[in-house]
């Protein structure tokens, strides 16, 4: 999955922007993109440099002061967001960028790479929130998902080409 995604990113001349560590799936993805000749920018808070050990071989590594600054810089540098399977940090960062979309603060596509149905329970929670009236169906559509990296990138590209009014209702701005 990471090999396929890395190939697609490099083929499409898409720079990878991520949290800057050399661990986990994102570290594997960063290595694969670099190995294929792609560009990778990491953004890591100085407090995590010792813990996560910042990736030393990136095209660019930006060291920032806080997690808030990290997320802001990553968002500014990115044209869209893909979450690979991960833990609390991944979930928190993904839900934050989706919330920014819901509030109209950004209009970038947000996708879950649903490898082996990893995100099925989270997607069911989102659907449950719609059924219970806590989330509109319009805002639920802000979360794109696919198990296939190429299909997910195509959905994200289609999302980017739609006018914002297609995916954020006036009543929800």
Protein backbone atom coordinates (compact mmCIF):
# COMPACT_ATOMS: atom_id res chain seq x y z
CA UNK A 1 0.00 0.00 0.00
CA UNK A 2 2.74 2.50 0.89
CA UNK A 3 4.75 1.42 -2.16
CA UNK A 4 1.76 1.94 -4.45
CA UNK A 5 0.93 5.32 -2.89
CA UNK A 6 4.56 6.45 -3.10
CA UNK A 7 4.71 5.51 -6.79
CA UNK A 8 1.52 7.42 -7.52
CA UNK A 9 2.72 10.50 -5.68
CA UNK A 10 6.00 10.55 -7.59
CA UNK A 11 4.32 9.79 -10.96
CA UNK A 12 1.86 12.65 -10.42
CA UNK A 13 4.58 15.01 -9.18
CA UNK A 14 2.88 15.36 -5.79
CA UNK A 15 5.20 16.38 -2.96
CA UNK A 16 4.68 14.55 0.32
CA UNK A 17 4.23 16.78 3.37
CA UNK A 18 4.04 14.94 6.68
CA UNK A 19 5.02 15.05 10.35
CA UNK A 20 8.76 14.63 9.78
CA UNK A 21 9.51 11.47 11.77
CA UNK A 22 11.29 8.37 10.56
CA UNK A 23 8.92 5.90 12.26
CA UNK A 24 5.57 4.32 11.41
CA UNK A 25 3.82 4.09 8.07
CA UNK A 26 4.53 7.73 7.28
CA UNK A 27 8.26 7.13 7.75
CA UNK A 28 8.00 4.16 5.38
CA UNK A 29 6.05 6.28 2.88
CA UNK A 30 8.60 9.10 3.10
CA UNK A 31 11.46 6.66 2.46
CA UNK A 32 9.66 5.16 -0.53
CA UNK A 33 8.91 8.57 -2.08
CA UNK A 34 12.53 9.62 -1.63
CA UNK A 35 13.82 6.35 -3.08
CA UNK A 36 11.70 6.98 -6.20
CA UNK A 37 13.08 10.51 -6.58
CA UNK A 38 10.13 12.44 -5.14
CA UNK A 39 10.13 15.44 -2.82
CA UNK A 40 9.32 15.08 0.87
CA UNK A 41 8.91 17.88 3.39
CA UNK A 42 8.67 17.02 7.08
CA UNK A 43 7.36 19.32 9.79
CA UNK A 44 8.23 18.35 13.35
CA UNK A 45 8.12 20.16 16.68
CA UNK A 46 11.47 20.47 18.42
CA UNK A 47 10.01 18.60 21.41
CA UNK A 48 9.47 15.52 19.22
CA UNK A 49 12.87 15.55 17.55
CA UNK A 50 14.39 13.43 20.34
CA UNK A 51 11.34 11.19 20.75
CA UNK A 52 10.45 10.48 17.12
CA UNK A 53 13.88 11.21 15.76
CA UNK A 54 13.36 13.56 12.85
CA UNK A 55 13.97 12.02 9.46
CA UNK A 56 17.49 13.03 8.42
CA UNK A 57 17.19 12.39 4.66
CA UNK A 58 14.19 14.49 3.67
CA UNK A 59 14.16 17.06 0.91
CA UNK A 60 13.32 19.55 3.62
CA UNK A 61 12.80 19.23 7.39
CA UNK A 62 11.12 22.14 9.14
CA UNK A 63 11.49 22.24 12.91
CA UNK A 64 8.72 24.22 14.60
CA UNK A 65 7.93 25.20 18.18
CA UNK A 66 4.66 23.35 18.85
CA UNK A 67 2.13 20.83 17.63
CA UNK A 68 -0.23 23.70 16.76
CA UNK A 69 2.44 25.30 14.60
CA UNK A 70 3.20 21.89 13.02
CA UNK A 71 -0.43 21.43 11.95
CA UNK A 72 -0.69 25.00 10.64
CA UNK A 73 2.51 24.70 8.59
CA UNK A 74 1.53 21.27 7.23
CA UNK A 75 -1.88 22.64 6.26
CA UNK A 76 -0.38 25.69 4.55
CA UNK A 77 2.01 23.50 2.54
CA UNK A 78 -0.59 20.89 1.56
CA UNK A 79 -3.19 20.74 -1.21
CA UNK A 80 -5.01 17.81 0.41
CA UNK A 81 -4.82 15.34 3.26
CA UNK A 82 -4.58 11.55 3.33
CA UNK A 83 -4.65 9.56 6.55
CA UNK A 84 -3.01 6.16 6.51
CA UNK A 85 -3.92 3.71 9.27
CA UNK A 86 -2.69 5.19 12.54
CA UNK A 87 -3.41 6.04 16.16
CA UNK A 88 -4.63 8.99 18.19
CA UNK A 89 -2.38 11.55 16.50
CA UNK A 90 -3.50 10.51 13.03
CA UNK A 91 -7.16 10.56 14.03
CA UNK A 92 -6.87 13.93 15.76
CA UNK A 93 -5.06 15.60 12.88
CA UNK A 94 -7.45 14.15 10.29
CA UNK A 95 -10.57 15.17 12.20
CA UNK A 96 -9.15 18.66 12.67
CA UNK A 97 -8.64 19.25 8.92
CA UNK A 98 -12.12 17.86 8.21
CA UNK A 99 -13.50 20.27 10.83
CA UNK A 100 -11.67 23.12 9.10
CA UNK A 101 -13.43 22.10 5.88
CA UNK A 102 -16.79 21.93 7.65
CA UNK A 103 -16.26 25.45 8.99
CA UNK A 104 -15.18 26.74 5.58
CA UNK A 105 -11.66 27.56 6.81
CA UNK A 106 -10.14 25.46 4.03
CA UNK A 107 -11.41 23.65 0.95
CA UNK A 108 -8.85 20.89 0.58
CA UNK A 109 -9.86 17.25 0.11
CA UNK A 110 -9.57 14.96 3.14
CA UNK A 111 -9.17 11.24 2.43
CA UNK A 112 -8.83 8.06 4.44
CA UNK A 113 -6.78 5.29 2.86
CA UNK A 114 -8.96 2.48 4.16
CA UNK A 115 -6.45 -0.38 3.99
CA UNK A 116 -7.98 -3.73 4.99
CA UNK A 117 -11.07 -1.81 6.16
CA UNK A 118 -9.04 -0.23 8.97
CA UNK A 119 -11.25 2.85 9.00
CA UNK A 120 -14.60 1.00 8.72
CA UNK A 121 -15.47 1.60 12.42
CA UNK A 122 -14.65 5.31 12.14
CA UNK A 123 -16.70 5.64 8.94
CA UNK A 124 -19.58 3.86 10.66
CA UNK A 125 -19.28 6.34 13.55
CA UNK A 126 -19.55 9.23 11.07
CA UNK A 127 -22.62 7.58 9.49
CA UNK A 128 -24.08 7.03 12.97
CA UNK A 129 -23.55 10.74 13.74
CA UNK A 130 -25.55 11.58 10.59
CA UNK A 131 -28.38 9.21 11.58
CA UNK A 132 -28.47 10.73 15.08
CA UNK A 133 -28.52 14.29 13.75
CA UNK A 134 -25.09 15.38 15.02
CA UNK A 135 -23.53 15.58 11.55
CA UNK A 136 -25.13 16.67 8.30
CA UNK A 137 -24.99 14.39 5.28
CA UNK A 138 -23.32 17.26 3.42
CA UNK A 139 -20.49 17.44 5.94
CA UNK A 140 -20.21 13.63 6.05
CA UNK A 141 -19.33 13.79 2.35
CA UNK A 142 -16.24 15.83 3.25
CA UNK A 143 -14.56 12.55 4.27
CA UNK A 144 -13.40 10.71 1.18
CA UNK A 145 -12.28 7.11 1.50
CA UNK A 146 -11.02 4.23 -0.57
CA UNK A 147 -8.88 1.15 -0.07
CA UNK A 148 -7.08 1.79 -3.35
CA UNK A 149 -4.56 4.67 -3.35
CA UNK A 150 -5.15 5.51 -7.01
CA UNK A 151 -8.93 5.64 -6.58
CA UNK A 152 -8.54 7.79 -3.49
CA UNK A 153 -6.30 10.26 -5.34
CA UNK A 154 -8.86 10.40 -8.18
CA UNK A 155 -11.67 11.14 -5.69
CA UNK A 156 -9.53 13.86 -4.14
CA UNK A 157 -8.80 15.42 -7.51
CA UNK A 158 -12.51 15.37 -8.40
CA UNK A 159 -13.29 17.01 -5.05
CA UNK A 160 -10.78 19.78 -5.73
CA UNK A 161 -12.42 20.56 -9.07
CA UNK A 162 -15.93 20.98 -7.60
CA UNK A 163 -17.05 24.40 -6.43
CA UNK A 164 -17.12 24.70 -2.65
CA UNK A 165 -20.89 25.17 -2.69
CA UNK A 166 -21.21 21.57 -3.91
CA UNK A 167 -19.86 20.18 -0.67
CA UNK A 168 -20.55 22.80 2.00
CA UNK A 169 -24.17 23.87 2.34
CA UNK A 170 -24.90 27.51 3.05
CA UNK A 171 -26.51 26.63 6.36
CA UNK A 172 -23.29 24.96 7.51
CA UNK A 173 -20.82 27.76 6.79
